[in-house]
Amino acid sequence: MQITDIKIRKLFNEGPMKAIVSVTFENALAVHDIKVIYAHDRTFIVMPSRKNPDGTYRDIVHPINASFRASLESAVLDAYHAYQAEAENAEPTEEAKAEDAAFFS
């Protein structure tokens, strides 16, 4: 099953959750609310889940085998890192803003 689109829906600066992502497969199936998490010195994905009455969580959708999970995680994390890099390049740093203010004064 080919991934045909990955959309970074929301970014978070605080806490272990870093992003919420939607993935489209073969332009036919979309999976929403995949979470990008940074914890224990690594970044990984968590599949969409629902809270059970007993307080535990159960995945709504998940990969069936390790190889597909690895390829899905790799694709999502690559898209997340590319989006992050693009966002960093688009936003001027405080230093750049101060240089511009000094130049135009």
PDB file of N, CA and C in Angstrom:
ATOM      1  N   MET A   1       0.850  -1.174   0.000  1.00  0.00           N
ATOM      2  CA  MET A   1       0.000   0.000   0.000  1.00  0.00           C
ATOM      3  C   MET A   1       0.896   1.236   0.000  1.00  0.00           C
ATOM      4  N   GLN A   2       0.720   2.072  -1.004  1.00  0.00           N
ATOM      5  CA  GLN A   2       1.562   3.256  -1.171  1.00  0.00           C
ATOM      6  C   GLN A   2       0.985   4.457  -0.424  1.00  0.00           C
ATOM      7  N   ILE A   3       1.860   5.207   0.215  1.00  0.00           N
ATOM      8  CA  ILE A   3       1.476   6.474   0.835  1.00  0.00           C
ATOM      9  C   ILE A   3       1.504   7.520  -0.265  1.00  0.00           C
ATOM     10  N   THR A   4       0.376   8.193  -0.475  1.00  0.00           N
ATOM     11  CA  THR A   4       0.303   9.194  -1.538  1.00  0.00           C
ATOM     12  C   THR A   4       0.297  10.623  -1.012  1.00  0.00           C
ATOM     13  N   ASP A   5       0.080  10.816   0.293  1.00  0.00           N
ATOM     14  CA  ASP A   5       0.115  12.162   0.852  1.00  0.00           C
ATOM     15  C   ASP A   5       0.290  12.089   2.360  1.00  0.00           C
ATOM     16  N   ILE A   6       1.049  13.042   2.883  1.00  0.00           N
ATOM     17  CA  ILE A   6       1.201  13.201   4.326  1.00  0.00           C
ATOM     18  C   ILE A   6       1.017  14.678   4.623  1.00  0.00           C
ATOM     19  N   LYS A   7       0.080  14.989   5.512  1.00  0.00           N
ATOM     20  CA  LYS A   7      -0.172  16.371   5.898  1.00  0.00           C
ATOM     21  C   LYS A   7       0.115  16.547   7.379  1.00  0.00           C
ATOM     22  N   ILE A   8       0.950  17.518   7.687  1.00  0.00           N
ATOM     23  CA  ILE A   8       1.202  17.881   9.077  1.00  0.00           C
ATOM     24  C   ILE A   8       0.067  18.822   9.459  1.00  0.00           C
ATOM     25  N   ARG A   9      -0.818  18.390  10.324  1.00  0.00           N
ATOM     26  CA  ARG A   9      -2.020  19.160  10.665  1.00  0.00           C
ATOM     27  C   ARG A   9      -1.762  20.205  11.738  1.00  0.00           C
ATOM     28  N   LYS A  10      -0.951  19.847  12.730  1.00  0.00           N
ATOM     29  CA  LYS A  10      -0.718  20.768  13.839  1.00  0.00           C
ATOM     30  C   LYS A  10       0.638  20.466  14.464  1.00  0.00           C
ATOM     31  N   LEU A  11       1.357  21.528  14.834  1.00  0.00           N
ATOM     32  CA  LEU A  11       2.635  21.390  15.530  1.00  0.00           C
ATOM     33  C   LEU A  11       2.481  21.853  16.969  1.00  0.00           C
ATOM     34  N   PHE A  12       3.255  21.257  17.857  1.00  0.00           N
ATOM     35  CA  PHE A  12       3.259  21.622  19.274  1.00  0.00           C
ATOM     36  C   PHE A  12       4.689  21.917  19.701  1.00  0.00           C
ATOM     37  N   ASN A  13       4.876  23.004  20.443  1.00  0.00           N
ATOM     38  CA  ASN A  13       6.209  23.360  20.939  1.00  0.00           C
ATOM     39  C   ASN A  13       6.478  22.809  22.322  1.00  0.00           C
ATOM     40  N   GLU A  14       5.435  22.628  23.100  1.00  0.00           N
ATOM     41  CA  GLU A  14       5.574  22.166  24.481  1.00  0.00           C
ATOM     42  C   GLU A  14       5.150  20.710  24.606  1.00  0.00           C
ATOM     43  N   GLY A  15       5.781  19.990  25.532  1.00  0.00           N
ATOM     44  CA  GLY A  15       5.387  18.617  25.817  1.00  0.00           C
ATOM     45  C   GLY A  15       5.950  17.619  24.828  1.00  0.00           C
ATOM     46  N   PRO A  16       5.681  16.348  25.074  1.00  0.00           N
ATOM     47  CA  PRO A  16       6.245  15.293  24.215  1.00  0.00           C
ATOM     48  C   PRO A  16       5.559  15.169  22.850  1.00  0.00           C
ATOM     49  N   MET A  17       4.275  15.561  22.750  1.00  0.00           N
ATOM     50  CA  MET A  17       3.614  15.483  21.441  1.00  0.00           C
ATOM     51  C   MET A  17       4.084  16.650  20.590  1.00  0.00           C
ATOM     52  N   LYS A  18       4.633  16.344  19.417  1.00  0.00           N
ATOM     53  CA  LYS A  18       5.217  17.360  18.545  1.00  0.00           C
ATOM     54  C   LYS A  18       4.352  17.703  17.345  1.00  0.00           C
ATOM     55  N   ALA A  19       3.513  16.759  16.902  1.00  0.00           N
ATOM     56  CA  ALA A  19       2.679  17.036  15.730  1.00  0.00           C
ATOM     57  C   ALA A  19       1.525  16.051  15.656  1.00  0.00           C
ATOM     58  N   ILE A  20       0.497  16.475  14.922  1.00  0.00           N
ATOM     59  CA  ILE A  20      -0.602  15.592  14.548  1.00  0.00           C
ATOM     60  C   ILE A  20      -0.609  15.543  13.026  1.00  0.00           C
ATOM     61  N   VAL A  21      -0.681  14.335  12.488  1.00  0.00           N
ATOM     62  CA  VAL A  21      -0.469  14.099  11.064  1.00  0.00           C
ATOM     63  C   VAL A  21      -1.627  13.291  10.479  1.00  0.00           C
ATOM     64  N   SER A  22      -1.934  13.558   9.205  1.00  0.00           N
ATOM     65  CA  SER A  22      -2.866  12.732   8.442  1.00  0.00           C
ATOM     66  C   SER A  22      -2.094  12.095   7.287  1.00  0.00           C
ATOM     67  N   VAL A  23      -2.362  10.825   7.031  1.00  0.00           N
ATOM     68  CA  VAL A  23      -1.690  10.090   5.960  1.00  0.00           C
ATOM     69  C   VAL A  23      -2.750   9.541   5.007  1.00  0.00           C
ATOM     70  N   THR A  24      -2.523   9.740   3.705  1.00  0.00           N
ATOM     71  CA  THR A  24      -3.416   9.186   2.685  1.00  0.00           C
ATOM     72  C   THR A  24      -2.696   8.042   1.981  1.00  0.00           C
ATOM     73  N   PHE A  25      -3.426   6.947   1.809  1.00  0.00           N
ATOM     74  CA  PHE A  25      -2.900   5.759   1.149  1.00  0.00           C
ATOM     75  C   PHE A  25      -3.595   5.593  -0.199  1.00  0.00           C
ATOM     76  N   GLU A  26      -2.785   5.520  -1.263  1.00  0.00           N
ATOM     77  CA  GLU A  26      -3.244   5.256  -2.627  1.00  0.00           C
ATOM     78  C   GLU A  26      -4.424   6.137  -3.045  1.00  0.00           C
ATOM     79  N   ASN A  27      -4.406   7.378  -2.583  1.00  0.00           N
ATOM     80  CA  ASN A  27      -5.479   8.341  -2.885  1.00  0.00           C
ATOM     81  C   ASN A  27      -6.863   7.765  -2.611  1.00  0.00           C
ATOM     82  N   ALA A  28      -6.963   6.816  -1.661  1.00  0.00           N
ATOM     83  CA  ALA A  28      -8.236   6.148  -1.416  1.00  0.00           C
ATOM     84  C   ALA A  28      -8.614   6.066   0.061  1.00  0.00           C
ATOM     85  N   LEU A  29      -7.645   6.129   0.955  1.00  0.00           N
ATOM     86  CA  LEU A  29      -7.913   5.960   2.376  1.00  0.00           C
ATOM     87  C   LEU A  29      -7.078   6.963   3.166  1.00  0.00           C
ATOM     88  N   ALA A  30      -7.739   7.721   4.049  1.00  0.00           N
ATOM     89  CA  ALA A  30      -7.022   8.683   4.894  1.00  0.00           C
ATOM     90  C   ALA A  30      -7.079   8.222   6.342  1.00  0.00           C
ATOM     91  N   VAL A  31      -5.951   8.310   7.011  1.00  0.00           N
ATOM     92  CA  VAL A  31      -5.870   8.015   8.437  1.00  0.00           C
ATOM     93  C   VAL A  31      -5.457   9.313   9.121  1.00  0.00           C
ATOM     94  N   HIS A  32      -6.328   9.809  10.004  1.00  0.00           N
ATOM     95  CA  HIS A  32      -6.093  11.064  10.706  1.00  0.00           C
ATOM     96  C   HIS A  32      -5.617  10.801  12.130  1.00  0.00           C
ATOM     97  N   ASP A  33      -5.046  11.827  12.710  1.00  0.00           N
ATOM     98  CA  ASP A  33      -4.665  11.837  14.130  1.00  0.00           C
ATOM     99  C   ASP A  33      -3.523  10.890  14.486  1.00  0.00           C
ATOM    100  N   ILE A  34      -2.595  10.689  13.567  1.00  0.00           N
ATOM    101  CA  ILE A  34      -1.350  10.002  13.908  1.00  0.00           C
ATOM    102  C   ILE A  34      -0.499  11.041  14.637  1.00  0.00           C
ATOM    103  N   LYS A  35       0.027  10.670  15.785  1.00  0.00           N
ATOM    104  CA  LYS A  35       0.785  11.616  16.602  1.00  0.00           C
ATOM    105  C   LYS A  35       2.281  11.379  16.468  1.00  0.00           C
ATOM    106  N   VAL A  36       3.033  12.477  16.373  1.00  0.00           N
ATOM    107  CA  VAL A  36       4.490  12.418  16.409  1.00  0.00           C
ATOM    108  C   VAL A  36       4.890  12.766  17.839  1.00  0.00           C
ATOM    109  N   ILE A  37       5.620  11.872  18.478  1.00  0.00           N
ATOM    110  CA  ILE A  37       5.998  12.002  19.884  1.00  0.00           C
ATOM    111  C   ILE A  37       7.517  12.018  20.002  1.00  0.00           C
ATOM    112  N   TYR A  38       8.031  12.903  20.869  1.00  0.00           N
ATOM    113  CA  TYR A  38       9.454  12.866  21.214  1.00  0.00           C
ATOM    114  C   TYR A  38       9.549  12.537  22.696  1.00  0.00           C
ATOM    115  N   ALA A  39      10.069  11.365  23.002  1.00  0.00           N
ATOM    116  CA  ALA A  39      10.231  10.929  24.390  1.00  0.00           C
ATOM    117  C   ALA A  39      11.367   9.918  24.453  1.00  0.00           C
ATOM    118  N   HIS A  40      11.999   9.854  25.588  1.00  0.00           N
ATOM    119  CA  HIS A  40      13.097   8.902  25.803  1.00  0.00           C
ATOM    120  C   HIS A  40      14.174   9.051  24.732  1.00  0.00           C
ATOM    121  N   ASP A  41      14.468  10.315  24.367  1.00  0.00           N
ATOM    122  CA  ASP A  41      15.522  10.657  23.414  1.00  0.00           C
ATOM    123  C   ASP A  41      15.310  10.104  22.010  1.00  0.00           C
ATOM    124  N   ARG A  42      14.068   9.907  21.619  1.00  0.00           N
ATOM    125  CA  ARG A  42      13.792   9.480  20.249  1.00  0.00           C
ATOM    126  C   ARG A  42      12.422   9.999  19.813  1.00  0.00           C
ATOM    127  N   THR A  43      12.242  10.089  18.507  1.00  0.00           N
ATOM    128  CA  THR A  43      10.975  10.517  17.920  1.00  0.00           C
ATOM    129  C   THR A  43      10.312   9.300  17.295  1.00  0.00           C
ATOM    130  N   PHE A  44       9.008   9.142  17.539  1.00  0.00           N
ATOM    131  CA  PHE A  44       8.272   7.999  17.011  1.00  0.00           C
ATOM    132  C   PHE A  44       6.826   8.409  16.782  1.00  0.00           C
ATOM    133  N   ILE A  45       6.043   7.519  16.161  1.00  0.00           N
ATOM    134  CA  ILE A  45       4.637   7.818  15.927  1.00  0.00           C
ATOM    135  C   ILE A  45       3.755   6.957  16.826  1.00  0.00           C
ATOM    136  N   VAL A  46       2.571   7.495  17.094  1.00  0.00           N
ATOM    137  CA  VAL A  46       1.542   6.771  17.839  1.00  0.00           C
ATOM    138  C   VAL A  46       0.285   6.808  16.983  1.00  0.00           C
ATOM    139  N   MET A  47      -0.304   5.666  16.792  1.00  0.00           N
ATOM    140  CA  MET A  47      -1.491   5.560  15.944  1.00  0.00           C
ATOM    141  C   MET A  47      -2.719   6.111  16.669  1.00  0.00           C
ATOM    142  N   PRO A  48      -3.753   6.490  15.903  1.00  0.00           N
ATOM    143  CA  PRO A  48      -4.977   7.007  16.516  1.00  0.00           C
ATOM    144  C   PRO A  48      -5.584   5.961  17.465  1.00  0.00           C
ATOM    145  N   SER A  49      -6.091   6.441  18.601  1.00  0.00           N
ATOM    146  CA  SER A  49      -6.652   5.511  19.578  1.00  0.00           C
ATOM    147  C   SER A  49      -7.886   6.106  20.241  1.00  0.00           C
ATOM    148  N   ARG A  50      -8.573   5.252  20.961  1.00  0.00           N
ATOM    149  CA  ARG A  50      -9.780   5.650  21.688  1.00  0.00           C
ATOM    150  C   ARG A  50      -9.615   5.185  23.133  1.00  0.00           C
ATOM    151  N   LYS A  51     -10.105   6.000  24.060  1.00  0.00           N
ATOM    152  CA  LYS A  51     -10.026   5.642  25.473  1.00  0.00           C
ATOM    153  C   LYS A  51     -11.187   4.717  25.829  1.00  0.00           C
ATOM    154  N   ASN A  52     -10.865   3.601  26.444  1.00  0.00           N
ATOM    155  CA  ASN A  52     -11.870   2.636  26.879  1.00  0.00           C
ATOM    156  C   ASN A  52     -12.461   3.069  28.218  1.00  0.00           C
ATOM    157  N   PRO A  53     -13.622   2.539  28.588  1.00  0.00           N
ATOM    158  CA  PRO A  53     -14.222   2.891  29.880  1.00  0.00           C
ATOM    159  C   PRO A  53     -13.326   2.600  31.080  1.00  0.00           C
ATOM    160  N   ASP A  54     -12.433   1.611  30.949  1.00  0.00           N
ATOM    161  CA  ASP A  54     -11.547   1.279  32.073  1.00  0.00           C
ATOM    162  C   ASP A  54     -10.296   2.159  32.126  1.00  0.00           C
ATOM    163  N   GLY A  55     -10.206   3.157  31.228  1.00  0.00           N
ATOM    164  CA  GLY A  55      -9.078   4.089  31.248  1.00  0.00           C
ATOM    165  C   GLY A  55      -7.922   3.691  30.349  1.00  0.00           C
ATOM    166  N   THR A  56      -7.949   2.507  29.773  1.00  0.00           N
ATOM    167  CA  THR A  56      -6.898   2.089  28.851  1.00  0.00           C
ATOM    168  C   THR A  56      -7.213   2.630  27.458  1.00  0.00           C
ATOM    169  N   TYR A  57      -6.231   2.564  26.584  1.00  0.00           N
ATOM    170  CA  TYR A  57      -6.417   3.032  25.206  1.00  0.00           C
ATOM    171  C   TYR A  57      -6.321   1.867  24.245  1.00  0.00           C
ATOM    172  N   ARG A  58      -7.087   1.963  23.157  1.00  0.00           N
ATOM    173  CA  ARG A  58      -7.073   0.925  22.122  1.00  0.00           C
ATOM    174  C   ARG A  58      -6.908   1.610  20.772  1.00  0.00           C
ATOM    175  N   ASP A  59      -5.936   1.153  19.981  1.00  0.00           N
ATOM    176  CA  ASP A  59      -5.731   1.721  18.652  1.00  0.00           C
ATOM    177  C   ASP A  59      -6.976   1.528  17.798  1.00  0.00           C
ATOM    178  N   ILE A  60      -7.331   2.563  17.063  1.00  0.00           N
ATOM    179  CA  ILE A  60      -8.454   2.488  16.126  1.00  0.00           C
ATOM    180  C   ILE A  60      -7.985   1.842  14.829  1.00  0.00           C
ATOM    181  N   VAL A  61      -6.767   2.179  14.433  1.00  0.00           N
ATOM    182  CA  VAL A  61      -6.158   1.634  13.221  1.00  0.00           C
ATOM    183  C   VAL A  61      -4.672   1.447  13.532  1.00  0.00           C
ATOM    184  N   HIS A  62      -4.084   0.404  12.974  1.00  0.00           N
ATOM    185  CA  HIS A  62      -2.658   0.175  13.226  1.00  0.00           C
ATOM    186  C   HIS A  62      -2.069  -0.749  12.163  1.00  0.00           C
ATOM    187  N   PRO A  63      -0.762  -0.637  11.939  1.00  0.00           N
ATOM    188  CA  PRO A  63      -0.096  -1.551  11.001  1.00  0.00           C
ATOM    189  C   PRO A  63      -0.147  -2.982  11.540  1.00  0.00           C
ATOM    190  N   ILE A  64      -0.229  -3.926  10.636  1.00  0.00           N
ATOM    191  CA  ILE A  64      -0.313  -5.339  11.021  1.00  0.00           C
ATOM    192  C   ILE A  64       1.068  -5.963  11.212  1.00  0.00           C
ATOM    193  N   ASN A  65       2.069  -5.478  10.475  1.00  0.00           N
ATOM    194  CA  ASN A  65       3.395  -6.077  10.612  1.00  0.00           C
ATOM    195  C   ASN A  65       4.468  -5.005  10.825  1.00  0.00           C
ATOM    196  N   ALA A  66       5.597  -5.453  11.315  1.00  0.00           N
ATOM    197  CA  ALA A  66       6.694  -4.545  11.682  1.00  0.00           C
ATOM    198  C   ALA A  66       7.270  -3.811  10.472  1.00  0.00           C
ATOM    199  N   SER A  67       7.333  -4.456   9.328  1.00  0.00           N
ATOM    200  CA  SER A  67       7.941  -3.798   8.167  1.00  0.00           C
ATOM    201  C   SER A  67       7.067  -2.646   7.673  1.00  0.00           C
ATOM    202  N   PHE A  68       5.735  -2.827   7.662  1.00  0.00           N
ATOM    203  CA  PHE A  68       4.872  -1.726   7.246  1.00  0.00           C
ATOM    204  C   PHE A  68       4.897  -0.606   8.277  1.00  0.00           C
ATOM    205  N   ARG A  69       4.919  -0.965   9.554  1.00  0.00           N
ATOM    206  CA  ARG A  69       5.001   0.053  10.603  1.00  0.00           C
ATOM    207  C   ARG A  69       6.279   0.868  10.441  1.00  0.00           C
ATOM    208  N   ALA A  70       7.390   0.206  10.177  1.00  0.00           N
ATOM    209  CA  ALA A  70       8.670   0.906  10.003  1.00  0.00           C
ATOM    210  C   ALA A  70       8.622   1.844   8.802  1.00  0.00           C
ATOM    211  N   SER A  71       8.033   1.400   7.693  1.00  0.00           N
ATOM    212  CA  SER A  71       7.972   2.268   6.514  1.00  0.00           C
ATOM    213  C   SER A  71       7.020   3.436   6.745  1.00  0.00           C
ATOM    214  N   LEU A  72       5.901   3.210   7.433  1.00  0.00           N
ATOM    215  CA  LEU A  72       4.966   4.287   7.764  1.00  0.00           C
ATOM    216  C   LEU A  72       5.634   5.297   8.696  1.00  0.00           C
ATOM    217  N   GLU A  73       6.283   4.806   9.736  1.00  0.00           N
ATOM    218  CA  GLU A  73       6.949   5.695  10.685  1.00  0.00           C
ATOM    219  C   GLU A  73       8.038   6.505   9.993  1.00  0.00           C
ATOM    220  N   SER A  74       8.810   5.875   9.157  1.00  0.00           N
ATOM    221  CA  SER A  74       9.872   6.565   8.434  1.00  0.00           C
ATOM    222  C   SER A  74       9.308   7.673   7.542  1.00  0.00           C
ATOM    223  N   ALA A  75       8.249   7.374   6.807  1.00  0.00           N
ATOM    224  CA  ALA A  75       7.641   8.369   5.911  1.00  0.00           C
ATOM    225  C   ALA A  75       7.066   9.543   6.700  1.00  0.00           C
ATOM    226  N   VAL A  76       6.373   9.254   7.801  1.00  0.00           N
ATOM    227  CA  VAL A  76       5.773  10.311   8.618  1.00  0.00           C
ATOM    228  C   VAL A  76       6.861  11.170   9.249  1.00  0.00           C
ATOM    229  N   LEU A  77       7.881  10.548   9.802  1.00  0.00           N
ATOM    230  CA  LEU A  77       8.952  11.320  10.448  1.00  0.00           C
ATOM    231  C   LEU A  77       9.743  12.131   9.428  1.00  0.00           C
ATOM    232  N   ASP A  78       9.973  11.591   8.244  1.00  0.00           N
ATOM    233  CA  ASP A  78      10.645  12.361   7.190  1.00  0.00           C
ATOM    234  C   ASP A  78       9.825  13.601   6.830  1.00  0.00           C
ATOM    235  N   ALA A  79       8.511  13.425   6.688  1.00  0.00           N
ATOM    236  CA  ALA A  79       7.636  14.562   6.361  1.00  0.00           C
ATOM    237  C   ALA A  79       7.614  15.571   7.497  1.00  0.00           C
ATOM    238  N   TYR A  80       7.585  15.094   8.732  1.00  0.00           N
ATOM    239  CA  TYR A  80       7.592  15.981   9.904  1.00  0.00           C
ATOM    240  C   TYR A  80       8.882  16.800   9.953  1.00  0.00           C
ATOM    241  N   HIS A  81      10.027  16.144   9.781  1.00  0.00           N
ATOM    242  CA  HIS A  81      11.315  16.858   9.832  1.00  0.00           C
ATOM    243  C   HIS A  81      11.435  17.849   8.678  1.00  0.00           C
ATOM    244  N   ALA A  82      10.961  17.490   7.497  1.00  0.00           N
ATOM    245  CA  ALA A  82      10.992  18.413   6.358  1.00  0.00           C
ATOM    246  C   ALA A  82      10.095  19.620   6.626  1.00  0.00           C
ATOM    247  N   TYR A  83       8.928  19.396   7.195  1.00  0.00           N
ATOM    248  CA  TYR A  83       7.998  20.479   7.522  1.00  0.00           C
ATOM    249  C   TYR A  83       8.615  21.405   8.558  1.00  0.00           C
ATOM    250  N   GLN A  84       9.250  20.806   9.555  1.00  0.00           N
ATOM    251  CA  GLN A  84       9.933  21.583  10.604  1.00  0.00           C
ATOM    252  C   GLN A  84      11.027  22.447   9.999  1.00  0.00           C
ATOM    253  N   ALA A  85      11.855  21.885   9.149  1.00  0.00           N
ATOM    254  CA  ALA A  85      12.953  22.625   8.525  1.00  0.00           C
ATOM    255  C   ALA A  85      12.412  23.763   7.665  1.00  0.00           C
ATOM    256  N   GLU A  86      11.346  23.491   6.945  1.00  0.00           N
ATOM    257  CA  GLU A  86      10.724  24.506   6.102  1.00  0.00           C
ATOM    258  C   GLU A  86      10.168  25.649   6.962  1.00  0.00           C
ATOM    259  N   ALA A  87       9.536  25.302   8.076  1.00  0.00           N
ATOM    260  CA  ALA A  87       8.973  26.309   8.977  1.00  0.00           C
ATOM    261  C   ALA A  87      10.076  27.156   9.607  1.00  0.00           C
ATOM    262  N   GLU A  88      11.181  26.525   9.966  1.00  0.00           N
ATOM    263  CA  GLU A  88      12.303  27.265  10.557  1.00  0.00           C
ATOM    264  C   GLU A  88      12.905  28.234   9.552  1.00  0.00           C
ATOM    265  N   ASN A  89      12.996  27.825   8.295  1.00  0.00           N
ATOM    266  CA  ASN A  89      13.553  28.698   7.266  1.00  0.00           C
ATOM    267  C   ASN A  89      12.604  29.837   6.921  1.00  0.00           C
ATOM    268  N   ALA A  90      11.313  29.621   7.079  1.00  0.00           N
ATOM    269  CA  ALA A  90      10.326  30.645   6.740  1.00  0.00           C
ATOM    270  C   ALA A  90      10.206  31.713   7.818  1.00  0.00           C
ATOM    271  N   GLU A  91      10.460  31.351   9.051  1.00  0.00           N
ATOM    272  CA  GLU A  91      10.323  32.291  10.157  1.00  0.00           C
ATOM    273  C   GLU A  91      11.669  32.939  10.441  1.00  0.00           C
ATOM    274  N   PRO A  92      11.747  34.277  10.357  1.00  0.00           N
ATOM    275  CA  PRO A  92      13.002  34.936  10.672  1.00  0.00           C
ATOM    276  C   PRO A  92      13.323  34.813  12.165  1.00  0.00           C
ATOM    277  N   THR A  93      14.587  34.646  12.462  1.00  0.00           N
ATOM    278  CA  THR A  93      15.012  34.555  13.849  1.00  0.00           C
ATOM    279  C   THR A  93      14.972  35.934  14.478  1.00  0.00           C
ATOM    280  N   GLU A  94      15.035  35.990  15.793  1.00  0.00           N
ATOM    281  CA  GLU A  94      15.057  37.279  16.505  1.00  0.00           C
ATOM    282  C   GLU A  94      16.286  38.087  16.088  1.00  0.00           C
ATOM    283  N   GLU A  95      17.394  37.383  15.862  1.00  0.00           N
ATOM    284  CA  GLU A  95      18.624  38.053  15.432  1.00  0.00           C
ATOM    285  C   GLU A  95      18.427  38.699  14.060  1.00  0.00           C
ATOM    286  N   ALA A  96      17.795  37.988  13.131  1.00  0.00           N
ATOM    287  CA  ALA A  96      17.539  38.538  11.802  1.00  0.00           C
ATOM    288  C   ALA A  96      16.591  39.717  11.879  1.00  0.00           C
ATOM    289  N   LYS A  97      15.589  39.635  12.741  1.00  0.00           N
ATOM    290  CA  LYS A  97      14.655  40.754  12.910  1.00  0.00           C
ATOM    291  C   LYS A  97      15.382  41.985  13.439  1.00  0.00           C
ATOM    292  N   ALA A  98      16.298  41.791  14.394  1.00  0.00           N
ATOM    293  CA  ALA A  98      17.051  42.915  14.964  1.00  0.00           C
ATOM    294  C   ALA A  98      17.974  43.518  13.916  1.00  0.00           C
ATOM    295  N   GLU A  99      18.606  42.676  13.081  1.00  0.00           N
ATOM    296  CA  GLU A  99      19.468  43.185  12.017  1.00  0.00           C
ATOM    297  C   GLU A  99      18.655  43.997  11.012  1.00  0.00           C
ATOM    298  N   ASP A 100      17.479  43.513  10.645  1.00  0.00           N
ATOM    299  CA  ASP A 100      16.613  44.247   9.712  1.00  0.00           C
ATOM    300  C   ASP A 100      16.182  45.568  10.309  1.00  0.00           C
ATOM    301  N   ALA A 101      15.833  45.578  11.584  1.00  0.00           N
ATOM    302  CA  ALA A 101      15.386  46.814  12.236  1.00  0.00           C
ATOM    303  C   ALA A 101      16.526  47.823  12.255  1.00  0.00           C
ATOM    304  N   ALA A 102      17.746  47.374  12.533  1.00  0.00           N
ATOM    305  CA  ALA A 102      18.893  48.272  12.558  1.00  0.00           C
ATOM    306  C   ALA A 102      19.198  48.800  11.152  1.00  0.00           C
ATOM    307  N   PHE A 103      19.071  47.954  10.157  1.00  0.00           N
ATOM    308  CA  PHE A 103      19.364  48.346   8.783  1.00  0.00           C
ATOM    309  C   PHE A 103      18.385  49.396   8.286  1.00  0.00           C
ATOM    310  N   PHE A 104      17.103  49.231   8.614  1.00  0.00           N
ATOM    311  CA  PHE A 104      16.072  50.145   8.102  1.00  0.00           C
ATOM    312  C   PHE A 104      15.851  51.359   9.005  1.00  0.00           C
ATOM    313  N   SER A 105      16.589  51.490  10.093  1.00  0.00           N
ATOM    314  CA  SER A 105      16.423  52.655  10.980  1.00  0.00           C
ATOM    315  C   SER A 105      17.145  53.871  10.444  1.00  0.00           C
TER     316      SER A 105
END
